[in-house]
């Protein structure tokens, strides 16, 4: 009996040890399974030396990428000489001055009046077409006249304001003779700013009147507010049209160009005749005028015939009255 009681504690300790060993085995089994899962999720890459490099999970990769982005990569030694050569070439090359860009905040209307005498009319006409295409412009108006003395063409050329001076220089170069050259500039910035301010004020007033229109209680108030809204709308449209005109006029400059070629120098004397030539011309013109009057009277022959008949009737009536008066007196 005492032996049994003495062996019971050893048996209990042995059972605890077996339970402890079983728990440890389960923990080891779970750890092995977890390791296999992690190894299956890992990504292997072939390194330059042929070894496989494991890659961590997405969280670790994103952390590494963010760290790499914050770091600036060191310059490669092969690119440093190229960069130094490029810097030397840039230093050796002359620095170009930046092209002056127009200040679009300013509204300036530029206009030029040019008169040119050319020796080759067709070539100069082609030059104008080339200028319109080269400087992003267009021909707005054209009028050609020809006499015995000269052939002349009057052109209105529109070019962007930043190409205005370049277009004038292009048209002025060459063997052609410049008779007149006049350039004017009109600063309309104040008009543009003032008109735009008034436009914004009118728009605010229109919104207020629309709110008053919603609060109107009778027809009289509605009509009165509507009249005010219509008047403000007309002023808004007028101001908007003025602003558009100033924008377009300042964006596109105008060149009034007159060019001509003399065809017959002796024919110019006929344009300024002397005294005797004027007298002869007056006789010819007078005789021609008389002929035109006679032709006009012939066109009016029915009216002249009617007037002649009326006069004959009154004259006959007057003579008959005189005869009757003489008979009555006798």
C-alpha atoms as a PDB file:
ATOM      1  CA  UNK A   1       0.000   0.000   0.000  1.00  0.00           C
ATOM      2  CA  UNK A   2       2.792   2.345   0.945  1.00  0.00           C
ATOM      3  CA  UNK A   3       4.618   1.353  -2.257  1.00  0.00           C
ATOM      4  CA  UNK A   4       1.630   2.312  -4.369  1.00  0.00           C
ATOM      5  CA  UNK A   5       1.332   5.670  -2.618  1.00  0.00           C
ATOM      6  CA  UNK A   6       5.040   6.206  -3.117  1.00  0.00           C
ATOM      7  CA  UNK A   7       4.860   5.503  -6.900  1.00  0.00           C
ATOM      8  CA  UNK A   8       1.860   7.765  -7.565  1.00  0.00           C
ATOM      9  CA  UNK A   9       3.942  11.052  -7.570  1.00  0.00           C
ATOM     10  CA  UNK A  10       6.425   9.589 -10.022  1.00  0.00           C
ATOM     11  CA  UNK A  11       3.628   8.523 -12.286  1.00  0.00           C
ATOM     12  CA  UNK A  12       2.083  11.991 -12.202  1.00  0.00           C
ATOM     13  CA  UNK A  13       5.470  13.602 -12.982  1.00  0.00           C
ATOM     14  CA  UNK A  14       5.946  11.218 -15.891  1.00  0.00           C
ATOM     15  CA  UNK A  15       2.542  12.138 -17.315  1.00  0.00           C
ATOM     16  CA  UNK A  16       3.407  15.844 -17.004  1.00  0.00           C
ATOM     17  CA  UNK A  17       6.619  15.241 -18.857  1.00  0.00           C
ATOM     18  CA  UNK A  18       4.806  13.390 -21.613  1.00  0.00           C
ATOM     19  CA  UNK A  19       2.286  16.264 -21.859  1.00  0.00           C
ATOM     20  CA  UNK A  20       5.103  18.776 -21.946  1.00  0.00           C
ATOM     21  CA  UNK A  21       6.901  16.831 -24.684  1.00  0.00           C
ATOM     22  CA  UNK A  22       3.647  16.670 -26.695  1.00  0.00           C
ATOM     23  CA  UNK A  23       3.179  20.444 -26.431  1.00  0.00           C
ATOM     24  CA  UNK A  24       6.759  21.059 -27.535  1.00  0.00           C
ATOM     25  CA  UNK A  25       6.269  18.732 -30.499  1.00  0.00           C
ATOM     26  CA  UNK A  26       3.148  20.613 -31.541  1.00  0.00           C
ATOM     27  CA  UNK A  27       4.990  23.954 -31.295  1.00  0.00           C
ATOM     28  CA  UNK A  28       7.844  22.630 -33.427  1.00  0.00           C
ATOM     29  CA  UNK A  29       5.400  21.252 -35.996  1.00  0.00           C
ATOM     30  CA  UNK A  30       3.589  24.632 -36.251  1.00  0.00           C
ATOM     31  CA  UNK A  31       6.918  26.471 -36.595  1.00  0.00           C
ATOM     32  CA  UNK A  32       8.022  24.129 -39.395  1.00  0.00           C
ATOM     33  CA  UNK A  33       4.739  24.622 -41.261  1.00  0.00           C
ATOM     34  CA  UNK A  34       5.026  28.409 -40.907  1.00  0.00           C
ATOM     35  CA  UNK A  35       8.585  28.316 -42.226  1.00  0.00           C
ATOM     36  CA  UNK A  36       7.510  26.281 -45.254  1.00  0.00           C
ATOM     37  CA  UNK A  37       4.778  28.803 -45.987  1.00  0.00           C
ATOM     38  CA  UNK A  38       7.227  31.696 -45.741  1.00  0.00           C
ATOM     39  CA  UNK A  39       9.696  29.929 -48.026  1.00  0.00           C
ATOM     40  CA  UNK A  40       6.949  29.265 -50.593  1.00  0.00           C
ATOM     41  CA  UNK A  41       5.989  32.987 -50.589  1.00  0.00           C
ATOM     42  CA  UNK A  42       9.568  34.176 -50.992  1.00  0.00           C
ATOM     43  CA  UNK A  43      10.788  35.337 -54.440  1.00  0.00           C
ATOM     44  CA  UNK A  44      14.139  34.337 -55.663  1.00  0.00           C
ATOM     45  CA  UNK A  45      16.137  36.359 -58.155  1.00  0.00           C
ATOM     46  CA  UNK A  46      19.222  35.262 -60.109  1.00  0.00           C
ATOM     47  CA  UNK A  47      22.159  37.360 -59.000  1.00  0.00           C
ATOM     48  CA  UNK A  48      24.996  38.284 -61.456  1.00  0.00           C
ATOM     49  CA  UNK A  49      27.190  35.669 -59.805  1.00  0.00           C
ATOM     50  CA  UNK A  50      24.584  32.957 -60.277  1.00  0.00           C
ATOM     51  CA  UNK A  51      23.321  32.803 -56.667  1.00  0.00           C
ATOM     52  CA  UNK A  52      19.626  33.175 -55.831  1.00  0.00           C
ATOM     53  CA  UNK A  53      18.723  36.203 -53.752  1.00  0.00           C
ATOM     54  CA  UNK A  54      15.505  35.950 -51.701  1.00  0.00           C
ATOM     55  CA  UNK A  55      13.225  38.969 -51.763  1.00  0.00           C
ATOM     56  CA  UNK A  56      11.163  39.960 -48.750  1.00  0.00           C
ATOM     57  CA  UNK A  57       7.418  40.467 -48.694  1.00  0.00           C
ATOM     58  CA  UNK A  58       5.574  43.485 -50.170  1.00  0.00           C
ATOM     59  CA  UNK A  59       5.807  45.612 -47.011  1.00  0.00           C
ATOM     60  CA  UNK A  60       9.580  45.242 -46.831  1.00  0.00           C
ATOM     61  CA  UNK A  61       9.951  45.855 -50.558  1.00  0.00           C
ATOM     62  CA  UNK A  62       7.878  49.074 -50.456  1.00  0.00           C
ATOM     63  CA  UNK A  63       9.956  50.281 -47.484  1.00  0.00           C
ATOM     64  CA  UNK A  64      13.151  49.614 -49.371  1.00  0.00           C
ATOM     65  CA  UNK A  65      11.861  51.397 -52.484  1.00  0.00           C
ATOM     66  CA  UNK A  66      10.889  54.457 -50.481  1.00  0.00           C
ATOM     67  CA  UNK A  67      14.362  54.511 -48.914  1.00  0.00           C
ATOM     68  CA  UNK A  68      15.974  54.224 -52.315  1.00  0.00           C
ATOM     69  CA  UNK A  69      13.888  57.042 -53.727  1.00  0.00           C
ATOM     70  CA  UNK A  70      15.038  59.381 -50.984  1.00  0.00           C
ATOM     71  CA  UNK A  71      18.661  58.591 -51.816  1.00  0.00           C
ATOM     72  CA  UNK A  72      20.273  60.142 -54.888  1.00  0.00           C
ATOM     73  CA  UNK A  73      22.131  57.557 -57.011  1.00  0.00           C
ATOM     74  CA  UNK A  74      25.845  58.148 -57.344  1.00  0.00           C
ATOM     75  CA  UNK A  75      26.984  59.277 -60.786  1.00  0.00           C
ATOM     76  CA  UNK A  76      28.440  56.540 -62.898  1.00  0.00           C
ATOM     77  CA  UNK A  77      32.097  56.992 -63.758  1.00  0.00           C
ATOM     78  CA  UNK A  78      31.391  56.481 -67.468  1.00  0.00           C
ATOM     79  CA  UNK A  79      29.001  59.427 -67.592  1.00  0.00           C
ATOM     80  CA  UNK A  80      31.189  61.936 -65.742  1.00  0.00           C
ATOM     81  CA  UNK A  81      33.618  62.551 -68.638  1.00  0.00           C
ATOM     82  CA  UNK A  82      30.688  62.968 -71.039  1.00  0.00           C
ATOM     83  CA  UNK A  83      29.112  65.536 -68.757  1.00  0.00           C
ATOM     84  CA  UNK A  84      32.368  67.387 -68.365  1.00  0.00           C
ATOM     85  CA  UNK A  85      32.818  67.457 -72.152  1.00  0.00           C
ATOM     86  CA  UNK A  86      29.312  68.781 -72.604  1.00  0.00           C
ATOM     87  CA  UNK A  87      29.956  71.482 -70.020  1.00  0.00           C
ATOM     88  CA  UNK A  88      33.154  72.451 -71.796  1.00  0.00           C
ATOM     89  CA  UNK A  89      31.332  72.630 -75.135  1.00  0.00           C
ATOM     90  CA  UNK A  90      28.629  74.793 -73.590  1.00  0.00           C
ATOM     91  CA  UNK A  91      31.257  77.092 -72.130  1.00  0.00           C
ATOM     92  CA  UNK A  92      33.061  77.349 -75.475  1.00  0.00           C
ATOM     93  CA  UNK A  93      29.875  78.066 -77.436  1.00  0.00           C
ATOM     94  CA  UNK A  94      28.698  81.713 -77.394  1.00  0.00           C
ATOM     95  CA  UNK A  95      25.685  82.205 -75.216  1.00  0.00           C
ATOM     96  CA  UNK A  96      22.564  83.179 -77.142  1.00  0.00           C
ATOM     97  CA  UNK A  97      20.498  85.978 -75.835  1.00  0.00           C
ATOM     98  CA  UNK A  98      16.940  84.929 -75.009  1.00  0.00           C
ATOM     99  CA  UNK A  99      14.329  86.184 -77.428  1.00  0.00           C
ATOM    100  CA  UNK A 100      12.311  89.024 -76.053  1.00  0.00           C
ATOM    101  CA  UNK A 101       8.731  87.946 -75.530  1.00  0.00           C
ATOM    102  CA  UNK A 102       5.926  90.470 -75.681  1.00  0.00           C
ATOM    103  CA  UNK A 103       4.315  91.575 -72.458  1.00  0.00           C
ATOM    104  CA  UNK A 104       0.760  90.374 -72.937  1.00  0.00           C
ATOM    105  CA  UNK A 105      -0.399  92.346 -69.907  1.00  0.00           C
ATOM    106  CA  UNK A 106       0.043  95.502 -71.952  1.00  0.00           C
ATOM    107  CA  UNK A 107      -2.381  96.207 -74.768  1.00  0.00           C
ATOM    108  CA  UNK A 108      -0.604  98.165 -77.515  1.00  0.00           C
ATOM    109  CA  UNK A 109      -2.046  98.631 -81.005  1.00  0.00           C
ATOM    110  CA  UNK A 110       0.747  98.916 -83.569  1.00  0.00           C
ATOM    111  CA  UNK A 111       0.179 100.239 -87.092  1.00  0.00           C
ATOM    112  CA  UNK A 112       2.555 100.825 -89.996  1.00  0.00           C
ATOM    113  CA  UNK A 113       2.074 102.745 -93.275  1.00  0.00           C
ATOM    114  CA  UNK A 114       4.640 101.896 -95.955  1.00  0.00           C
ATOM    115  CA  UNK A 115       4.886 103.012 -99.590  1.00  0.00           C
ATOM    116  CA  UNK A 116       7.381 101.199-101.832  1.00  0.00           C
ATOM    117  CA  UNK A 117       8.358 101.582-105.491  1.00  0.00           C
ATOM    118  CA  UNK A 118       9.504  98.275-106.913  1.00  0.00           C
ATOM    119  CA  UNK A 119      11.073  97.312-110.195  1.00  0.00           C
ATOM    120  CA  UNK A 120       9.616  93.790-110.201  1.00  0.00           C
ATOM    121  CA  UNK A 121       5.938  93.891-109.319  1.00  0.00           C
ATOM    122  CA  UNK A 122       5.333  90.128-109.507  1.00  0.00           C
ATOM    123  CA  UNK A 123       8.352  89.279-107.330  1.00  0.00           C
ATOM    124  CA  UNK A 124       7.324  91.785-104.679  1.00  0.00           C
ATOM    125  CA  UNK A 125       3.777  90.371-104.648  1.00  0.00           C
ATOM    126  CA  UNK A 126       5.241  86.929-103.996  1.00  0.00           C
ATOM    127  CA  UNK A 127       7.400  88.430-101.260  1.00  0.00           C
ATOM    128  CA  UNK A 128       4.294  89.691 -99.480  1.00  0.00           C
ATOM    129  CA  UNK A 129       2.672  86.254 -99.659  1.00  0.00           C
ATOM    130  CA  UNK A 130       5.838  84.709 -98.232  1.00  0.00           C
ATOM    131  CA  UNK A 131       5.862  87.287 -95.422  1.00  0.00           C
ATOM    132  CA  UNK A 132       2.262  86.472 -94.495  1.00  0.00           C
ATOM    133  CA  UNK A 133       3.068  82.763 -94.250  1.00  0.00           C
ATOM    134  CA  UNK A 134       6.435  83.249 -92.556  1.00  0.00           C
ATOM    135  CA  UNK A 135       5.219  85.545 -89.788  1.00  0.00           C
ATOM    136  CA  UNK A 136       1.881  83.776 -89.129  1.00  0.00           C
ATOM    137  CA  UNK A 137      -0.146  86.622 -90.639  1.00  0.00           C
ATOM    138  CA  UNK A 138      -2.774  87.057 -93.312  1.00  0.00           C
ATOM    139  CA  UNK A 139      -3.841  89.560 -95.964  1.00  0.00           C
ATOM    140  CA  UNK A 140      -6.969  91.341 -94.728  1.00  0.00           C
ATOM    141  CA  UNK A 141      -7.605  93.578 -97.781  1.00  0.00           C
ATOM    142  CA  UNK A 142      -6.165  94.108-101.252  1.00  0.00           C
ATOM    143  CA  UNK A 143      -6.908  96.601-104.038  1.00  0.00           C
ATOM    144  CA  UNK A 144      -5.028  96.694-107.354  1.00  0.00           C
ATOM    145  CA  UNK A 145      -5.199  99.492-109.958  1.00  0.00           C
ATOM    146  CA  UNK A 146      -3.401  99.852-113.282  1.00  0.00           C
ATOM    147  CA  UNK A 147      -2.970 102.832-115.618  1.00  0.00           C
ATOM    148  CA  UNK A 148      -0.721 103.619-118.566  1.00  0.00           C
ATOM    149  CA  UNK A 149       1.772 105.091-116.134  1.00  0.00           C
ATOM    150  CA  UNK A 150       1.965 102.479-113.331  1.00  0.00           C
ATOM    151  CA  UNK A 151       0.479  99.375-111.744  1.00  0.00           C
ATOM    152  CA  UNK A 152      -0.292  99.733-108.025  1.00  0.00           C
ATOM    153  CA  UNK A 153      -1.514  97.509-105.233  1.00  0.00           C
ATOM    154  CA  UNK A 154      -2.728  98.516-101.761  1.00  0.00           C
ATOM    155  CA  UNK A 155      -2.607  95.731 -99.166  1.00  0.00           C
ATOM    156  CA  UNK A 156      -3.607  95.498 -95.500  1.00  0.00           C
ATOM    157  CA  UNK A 157      -1.440  92.882 -93.801  1.00  0.00           C
ATOM    158  CA  UNK A 158      -2.175  91.494 -90.321  1.00  0.00           C
ATOM    159  CA  UNK A 159       0.673  89.941 -88.288  1.00  0.00           C
ATOM    160  CA  UNK A 160       1.069  88.999 -84.582  1.00  0.00           C
ATOM    161  CA  UNK A 161       2.411  91.783 -82.417  1.00  0.00           C
ATOM    162  CA  UNK A 162       5.614  89.866 -81.626  1.00  0.00           C
ATOM    163  CA  UNK A 163       6.291  89.489 -85.370  1.00  0.00           C
ATOM    164  CA  UNK A 164       5.471  93.116 -86.263  1.00  0.00           C
ATOM    165  CA  UNK A 165       9.011  94.514 -86.422  1.00  0.00           C
ATOM    166  CA  UNK A 166      10.375  91.389 -88.111  1.00  0.00           C
ATOM    167  CA  UNK A 167       7.741  91.648 -90.847  1.00  0.00           C
ATOM    168  CA  UNK A 168       8.539  95.339 -91.444  1.00  0.00           C
ATOM    169  CA  UNK A 169      12.264  94.615 -91.666  1.00  0.00           C
ATOM    170  CA  UNK A 170      11.601  91.767 -94.086  1.00  0.00           C
ATOM    171  CA  UNK A 171       9.460  93.934 -96.380  1.00  0.00           C
ATOM    172  CA  UNK A 172      11.857  96.889 -96.213  1.00  0.00           C
ATOM    173  CA  UNK A 173      14.972  94.965 -97.244  1.00  0.00           C
ATOM    174  CA  UNK A 174      16.007  94.683-100.871  1.00  0.00           C
ATOM    175  CA  UNK A 175      16.603  96.950-103.847  1.00  0.00           C
ATOM    176  CA  UNK A 176      13.114  98.437-103.709  1.00  0.00           C
ATOM    177  CA  UNK A 177      12.743 102.144-103.009  1.00  0.00           C
ATOM    178  CA  UNK A 178      10.903 103.111 -99.821  1.00  0.00           C
ATOM    179  CA  UNK A 179       8.965 106.334-100.429  1.00  0.00           C
ATOM    180  CA  UNK A 180       7.224 106.457 -97.043  1.00  0.00           C
ATOM    181  CA  UNK A 181       7.462 104.570 -93.780  1.00  0.00           C
ATOM    182  CA  UNK A 182       5.401 105.488 -90.746  1.00  0.00           C
ATOM    183  CA  UNK A 183       4.936 103.430 -87.557  1.00  0.00           C
ATOM    184  CA  UNK A 184       2.513 104.342 -84.777  1.00  0.00           C
ATOM    185  CA  UNK A 185       1.788 102.698 -81.421  1.00  0.00           C
ATOM    186  CA  UNK A 186      -1.279 103.272 -79.269  1.00  0.00           C
ATOM    187  CA  UNK A 187      -1.305 102.082 -75.666  1.00  0.00           C
ATOM    188  CA  UNK A 188      -4.862 100.995 -74.820  1.00  0.00           C
ATOM    189  CA  UNK A 189      -4.029  99.244 -71.554  1.00  0.00           C
ATOM    190  CA  UNK A 190      -5.956 101.805 -69.494  1.00  0.00           C
ATOM    191  CA  UNK A 191      -9.011 101.424 -71.727  1.00  0.00           C
ATOM    192  CA  UNK A 192      -8.823  97.659 -71.411  1.00  0.00           C
ATOM    193  CA  UNK A 193      -8.530  97.735 -67.606  1.00  0.00           C
ATOM    194  CA  UNK A 194     -11.282 100.345 -67.224  1.00  0.00           C
ATOM    195  CA  UNK A 195     -13.678  98.523 -69.539  1.00  0.00           C
ATOM    196  CA  UNK A 196     -13.007  95.226 -67.814  1.00  0.00           C
ATOM    197  CA  UNK A 197     -13.661  96.775 -64.378  1.00  0.00           C
ATOM    198  CA  UNK A 198     -16.934  98.248 -65.566  1.00  0.00           C
ATOM    199  CA  UNK A 199     -17.894  94.898 -67.059  1.00  0.00           C
ATOM    200  CA  UNK A 200     -17.347  93.126 -63.732  1.00  0.00           C
ATOM    201  CA  UNK A 201     -19.367  95.805 -61.919  1.00  0.00           C
ATOM    202  CA  UNK A 202     -22.240  95.430 -64.396  1.00  0.00           C
ATOM    203  CA  UNK A 203     -22.242  91.677 -63.924  1.00  0.00           C
ATOM    204  CA  UNK A 204     -22.476  92.066 -60.152  1.00  0.00           C
ATOM    205  CA  UNK A 205     -25.318  94.558 -60.564  1.00  0.00           C
ATOM    206  CA  UNK A 206     -27.112  92.154 -62.898  1.00  0.00           C
ATOM    207  CA  UNK A 207     -26.941  89.396 -60.272  1.00  0.00           C
ATOM    208  CA  UNK A 208     -28.426  91.734 -57.668  1.00  0.00           C
ATOM    209  CA  UNK A 209     -31.250  92.722 -59.966  1.00  0.00           C
ATOM    210  CA  UNK A 210     -31.982  89.072 -60.642  1.00  0.00           C
ATOM    211  CA  UNK A 211     -32.338  88.546 -56.902  1.00  0.00           C
ATOM    212  CA  UNK A 212     -34.688  91.533 -56.742  1.00  0.00           C
ATOM    213  CA  UNK A 213     -36.679  90.061 -59.609  1.00  0.00           C
ATOM    214  CA  UNK A 214     -37.293  86.913 -57.549  1.00  0.00           C
ATOM    215  CA  UNK A 215     -38.518  89.073 -54.658  1.00  0.00           C
ATOM    216  CA  UNK A 216     -40.906  91.172 -56.776  1.00  0.00           C
ATOM    217  CA  UNK A 217     -44.523  90.992 -55.613  1.00  0.00           C
ATOM    218  CA  UNK A 218     -46.520  92.527 -58.477  1.00  0.00           C
ATOM    219  CA  UNK A 219     -46.303  92.965 -62.227  1.00  0.00           C
ATOM    220  CA  UNK A 220     -45.224  96.603 -62.016  1.00  0.00           C
ATOM    221  CA  UNK A 221     -42.154  95.735 -59.949  1.00  0.00           C
ATOM    222  CA  UNK A 222     -41.340  92.828 -62.254  1.00  0.00           C
ATOM    223  CA  UNK A 223     -41.442  95.037 -65.367  1.00  0.00           C
ATOM    224  CA  UNK A 224     -39.361  97.756 -63.738  1.00  0.00           C
ATOM    225  CA  UNK A 225     -36.652  95.331 -62.611  1.00  0.00           C
ATOM    226  CA  UNK A 226     -36.708  93.576 -65.992  1.00  0.00           C
ATOM    227  CA  UNK A 227     -36.107  96.885 -67.783  1.00  0.00           C
ATOM    228  CA  UNK A 228     -33.088  97.523 -65.575  1.00  0.00           C
ATOM    229  CA  UNK A 229     -31.779  94.016 -66.273  1.00  0.00           C
ATOM    230  CA  UNK A 230     -32.179  94.508 -70.051  1.00  0.00           C
ATOM    231  CA  UNK A 231     -30.301  97.803 -69.937  1.00  0.00           C
ATOM    232  CA  UNK A 232     -27.481  96.290 -67.889  1.00  0.00           C
ATOM    233  CA  UNK A 233     -27.312  93.341 -70.299  1.00  0.00           C
ATOM    234  CA  UNK A 234     -26.862  95.725 -73.251  1.00  0.00           C
ATOM    235  CA  UNK A 235     -24.054  97.506 -71.413  1.00  0.00           C
ATOM    236  CA  UNK A 236     -22.419  94.159 -70.606  1.00  0.00           C
ATOM    237  CA  UNK A 237     -22.492  93.095 -74.253  1.00  0.00           C
ATOM    238  CA  UNK A 238     -21.100  96.469 -75.360  1.00  0.00           C
ATOM    239  CA  UNK A 239     -18.248  96.274 -72.829  1.00  0.00           C
ATOM    240  CA  UNK A 240     -17.489  92.661 -73.797  1.00  0.00           C
ATOM    241  CA  UNK A 241     -17.345  93.642 -77.469  1.00  0.00           C
ATOM    242  CA  UNK A 242     -14.976  96.502 -76.673  1.00  0.00           C
ATOM    243  CA  UNK A 243     -12.714  94.180 -74.684  1.00  0.00           C
ATOM    244  CA  UNK A 244     -12.622  91.653 -77.517  1.00  0.00           C
ATOM    245  CA  UNK A 245     -11.737  94.402 -79.989  1.00  0.00           C
ATOM    246  CA  UNK A 246      -8.879  95.668 -77.815  1.00  0.00           C
ATOM    247  CA  UNK A 247      -7.553  92.139 -77.338  1.00  0.00           C
ATOM    248  CA  UNK A 248      -7.656  91.337 -81.054  1.00  0.00           C
ATOM    249  CA  UNK A 249      -6.295  94.728 -82.124  1.00  0.00           C
ATOM    250  CA  UNK A 250      -3.374  94.520 -79.702  1.00  0.00           C
ATOM    251  CA  UNK A 251      -2.651  90.879 -80.535  1.00  0.00           C
ATOM    252  CA  UNK A 252      -2.591  91.422 -84.330  1.00  0.00           C
ATOM    253  CA  UNK A 253      -0.743  94.466 -85.682  1.00  0.00           C
ATOM    254  CA  UNK A 254      -1.688  96.148 -88.978  1.00  0.00           C
ATOM    255  CA  UNK A 255       0.610  96.990 -91.886  1.00  0.00           C
ATOM    256  CA  UNK A 256      -0.844  99.226 -94.631  1.00  0.00           C
ATOM    257  CA  UNK A 257       1.412  98.564 -97.598  1.00  0.00           C
ATOM    258  CA  UNK A 258       1.285 100.406-100.949  1.00  0.00           C
ATOM    259  CA  UNK A 259       3.649  99.239-103.667  1.00  0.00           C
ATOM    260  CA  UNK A 260       3.749 100.062-107.384  1.00  0.00           C
ATOM    261  CA  UNK A 261       5.817  99.678-110.507  1.00  0.00           C
ATOM    262  CA  UNK A 262       6.209 102.370-113.189  1.00  0.00           C
ATOM    263  CA  UNK A 263       5.237 100.980-116.589  1.00  0.00           C
ATOM    264  CA  UNK A 264       5.608 104.044-118.875  1.00  0.00           C
ATOM    265  CA  UNK A 265       7.431 107.145-117.681  1.00  0.00           C
ATOM    266  CA  UNK A 266       6.211 109.331-120.558  1.00  0.00           C
ATOM    267  CA  UNK A 267       2.596 108.581-119.667  1.00  0.00           C
ATOM    268  CA  UNK A 268       3.038 110.640-116.503  1.00  0.00           C
ATOM    269  CA  UNK A 269       3.021 113.853-118.591  1.00  0.00           C
ATOM    270  CA  UNK A 270      -0.544 113.096-119.648  1.00  0.00           C
ATOM    271  CA  UNK A 271      -1.544 113.035-115.996  1.00  0.00           C
ATOM    272  CA  UNK A 272      -0.333 116.671-115.567  1.00  0.00           C
ATOM    273  CA  UNK A 273      -1.202 118.407-118.894  1.00  0.00           C
ATOM    274  CA  UNK A 274      -0.159 121.969-119.813  1.00  0.00           C
ATOM    275  CA  UNK A 275      -2.343 125.040-120.574  1.00  0.00           C
ATOM    276  CA  UNK A 276      -2.938 124.471-124.286  1.00  0.00           C
ATOM    277  CA  UNK A 277      -3.564 120.803-123.685  1.00  0.00           C
ATOM    278  CA  UNK A 278      -6.134 121.742-121.054  1.00  0.00           C
ATOM    279  CA  UNK A 279      -7.828 124.181-123.491  1.00  0.00           C
ATOM    280  CA  UNK A 280      -8.023 121.497-126.161  1.00  0.00           C
ATOM    281  CA  UNK A 281      -9.365 119.069-123.618  1.00  0.00           C
ATOM    282  CA  UNK A 282     -11.972 121.667-122.577  1.00  0.00           C
ATOM    283  CA  UNK A 283     -13.199 122.081-126.204  1.00  0.00           C
ATOM    284  CA  UNK A 284     -13.435 118.343-126.597  1.00  0.00           C
ATOM    285  CA  UNK A 285     -15.204 117.958-123.290  1.00  0.00           C
ATOM    286  CA  UNK A 286     -17.586 120.851-124.077  1.00  0.00           C
ATOM    287  CA  UNK A 287     -18.560 119.451-127.474  1.00  0.00           C
ATOM    288  CA  UNK A 288     -19.044 116.085-125.882  1.00  0.00           C
ATOM    289  CA  UNK A 289     -21.260 117.674-123.217  1.00  0.00           C
ATOM    290  CA  UNK A 290     -23.426 119.388-125.865  1.00  0.00           C
ATOM    291  CA  UNK A 291     -23.843 116.102-127.659  1.00  0.00           C
ATOM    292  CA  UNK A 292     -24.884 114.429-124.421  1.00  0.00           C
ATOM    293  CA  UNK A 293     -27.487 117.181-123.819  1.00  0.00           C
ATOM    294  CA  UNK A 294     -28.911 116.731-127.322  1.00  0.00           C
ATOM    295  CA  UNK A 295     -29.084 112.999-126.824  1.00  0.00           C
ATOM    296  CA  UNK A 296     -30.866 113.578-123.519  1.00  0.00           C
ATOM    297  CA  UNK A 297     -33.417 115.851-125.178  1.00  0.00           C
ATOM    298  CA  UNK A 298     -34.077 113.207-127.790  1.00  0.00           C
ATOM    299  CA  UNK A 299     -34.778 110.759-125.003  1.00  0.00           C
ATOM    300  CA  UNK A 300     -37.372 113.283-123.717  1.00  0.00           C
ATOM    301  CA  UNK A 301     -39.179 113.775-127.058  1.00  0.00           C
ATOM    302  CA  UNK A 302     -42.591 112.615-125.748  1.00  0.00           C
ATOM    303  CA  UNK A 303     -42.476 115.212-123.003  1.00  0.00           C
ATOM    304  CA  UNK A 304     -41.339 117.924-125.430  1.00  0.00           C
ATOM    305  CA  UNK A 305     -44.164 117.026-127.826  1.00  0.00           C
ATOM    306  CA  UNK A 306     -46.708 117.272-125.015  1.00  0.00           C
ATOM    307  CA  UNK A 307     -45.401 120.695-123.955  1.00  0.00           C
ATOM    308  CA  UNK A 308     -45.537 121.918-127.573  1.00  0.00           C
ATOM    309  CA  UNK A 309     -49.166 120.748-127.904  1.00  0.00           C
ATOM    310  CA  UNK A 310     -50.188 122.528-124.689  1.00  0.00           C
ATOM    311  CA  UNK A 311     -48.552 125.777-125.838  1.00  0.00           C
ATOM    312  CA  UNK A 312     -50.275 125.576-129.264  1.00  0.00           C
ATOM    313  CA  UNK A 313     -53.642 125.024-127.558  1.00  0.00           C
ATOM    314  CA  UNK A 314     -53.281 128.049-125.276  1.00  0.00           C
ATOM    315  CA  UNK A 315     -52.056 130.218-128.158  1.00  0.00           C
ATOM    316  CA  UNK A 316     -55.018 129.217-130.346  1.00  0.00           C
ATOM    317  CA  UNK A 317     -57.445 129.878-127.517  1.00  0.00           C
ATOM    318  CA  UNK A 318     -55.986 133.344-126.954  1.00  0.00           C
ATOM    319  CA  UNK A 319     -56.214 134.261-130.658  1.00  0.00           C
ATOM    320  CA  UNK A 320     -59.862 133.092-130.808  1.00  0.00           C
ATOM    321  CA  UNK A 321     -60.732 135.296-127.807  1.00  0.00           C
ATOM    322  CA  UNK A 322     -59.155 138.312-129.513  1.00  0.00           C
ATOM    323  CA  UNK A 323     -61.235 137.761-132.691  1.00  0.00           C
ATOM    324  CA  UNK A 324     -64.454 137.499-130.678  1.00  0.00           C
ATOM    325  CA  UNK A 325     -63.616 140.719-128.847  1.00  0.00           C
ATOM    326  CA  UNK A 326     -63.042 142.576-132.147  1.00  0.00           C
ATOM    327  CA  UNK A 327     -66.364 141.311-133.581  1.00  0.00           C
ATOM    328  CA  UNK A 328     -68.346 142.378-130.510  1.00  0.00           C
ATOM    329  CA  UNK A 329     -66.829 145.876-130.578  1.00  0.00           C
ATOM    330  CA  UNK A 330     -67.773 146.312-134.296  1.00  0.00           C
END
